[in-house]
Amino acid sequence: MMSEYRFLPLRSVRPGGNTVDRYDLWLARLAEELADPGTNRDEFCHRVPREIYFPGDRLRAASRTRPTPSP
């Protein structure tokens, strides 16, 4: 049976404005955090996807951060 969906090849998209610079800064910040042994890895792994899916929406990301339990 033939699929109902047509194959559409991927195409390159060039980011505009200062997007590449902001992306490079973001990656550099992530690398610094990963190099720091004091980084809370649980929080890091929860925060990074939020930054990807909700860029620039720090209020939403902050409101969804789970509190760290007290020892």
Protein backbone atom coordinates (compact mmCIF):
# COMPACT_ATOMS: atom_id res chain seq x y z
CA MET A 1 0.00 0.00 0.00
CA MET A 2 1.35 3.44 -0.90
CA SER A 3 1.80 6.06 1.79
CA GLU A 4 -0.49 9.09 1.71
CA TYR A 5 2.46 11.34 2.50
CA ARG A 6 4.81 12.68 -0.10
CA PHE A 7 8.53 12.72 0.49
CA LEU A 8 9.74 16.28 0.86
CA PRO A 9 13.52 16.63 1.03
CA LEU A 10 15.06 18.68 3.82
CA ARG A 11 16.36 22.08 2.92
CA SER A 12 18.89 24.37 4.52
CA VAL A 13 17.70 27.36 6.50
CA ARG A 14 20.00 30.30 7.13
CA PRO A 15 19.46 31.99 10.47
CA GLY A 16 19.10 35.75 10.26
CA GLY A 17 20.26 38.67 12.35
CA ASN A 18 22.44 37.89 15.33
CA THR A 19 21.04 34.37 15.73
CA VAL A 20 24.35 32.63 15.09
CA ASP A 21 26.14 34.84 17.63
CA ARG A 22 23.46 34.20 20.27
CA TYR A 23 23.58 30.47 19.57
CA ASP A 24 27.38 30.43 19.95
CA LEU A 25 27.13 32.33 23.26
CA TRP A 26 24.48 29.90 24.50
CA LEU A 27 26.65 26.90 23.60
CA ALA A 28 29.66 28.48 25.31
CA ARG A 29 27.59 29.04 28.47
CA LEU A 30 26.43 25.41 28.41
CA ALA A 31 30.05 24.22 28.01
CA GLU A 32 31.12 26.34 31.00
CA GLU A 33 28.31 24.95 33.12
CA LEU A 34 29.19 21.38 32.17
CA ALA A 35 32.85 21.98 33.02
CA ASP A 36 31.90 23.28 36.49
CA PRO A 37 31.78 20.35 38.96
CA GLY A 38 29.36 22.37 41.11
CA THR A 39 26.67 22.46 38.43
CA ASN A 40 23.44 20.80 39.48
CA ARG A 41 23.09 18.26 36.64
CA ASP A 42 19.45 17.50 37.38
CA GLU A 43 18.49 21.16 37.08
CA PHE A 44 20.72 21.55 34.02
CA CYS A 45 19.04 18.64 32.21
CA HIS A 46 15.61 20.06 32.96
CA ARG A 47 16.46 23.65 32.06
CA VAL A 48 18.23 23.14 28.73
CA PRO A 49 15.24 21.60 26.88
CA ARG A 50 13.04 24.43 28.21
CA GLU A 51 15.52 26.93 26.78
CA ILE A 52 15.29 25.14 23.43
CA TYR A 53 11.49 24.92 23.31
CA PHE A 54 10.79 28.29 24.95
CA PRO A 55 13.71 30.55 23.98
CA GLY A 56 13.70 33.87 25.77
CA ASP A 57 10.80 32.83 27.99
CA ARG A 58 12.66 32.82 31.30
CA LEU A 59 9.52 33.49 33.35
CA ARG A 60 7.81 30.34 32.07
CA ALA A 61 10.99 28.31 32.49
CA ALA A 62 11.53 29.62 36.03
CA SER A 63 7.94 28.89 37.04
CA ARG A 64 8.31 25.25 36.00
CA THR A 65 11.54 24.65 37.87
CA ARG A 66 11.05 22.11 40.59
CA PRO A 67 12.31 23.17 44.02
CA THR A 68 15.39 21.36 45.23
CA PRO A 69 14.58 19.22 48.30
CA SER A 70 16.38 20.10 51.50
CA PRO A 71 18.94 17.55 52.74
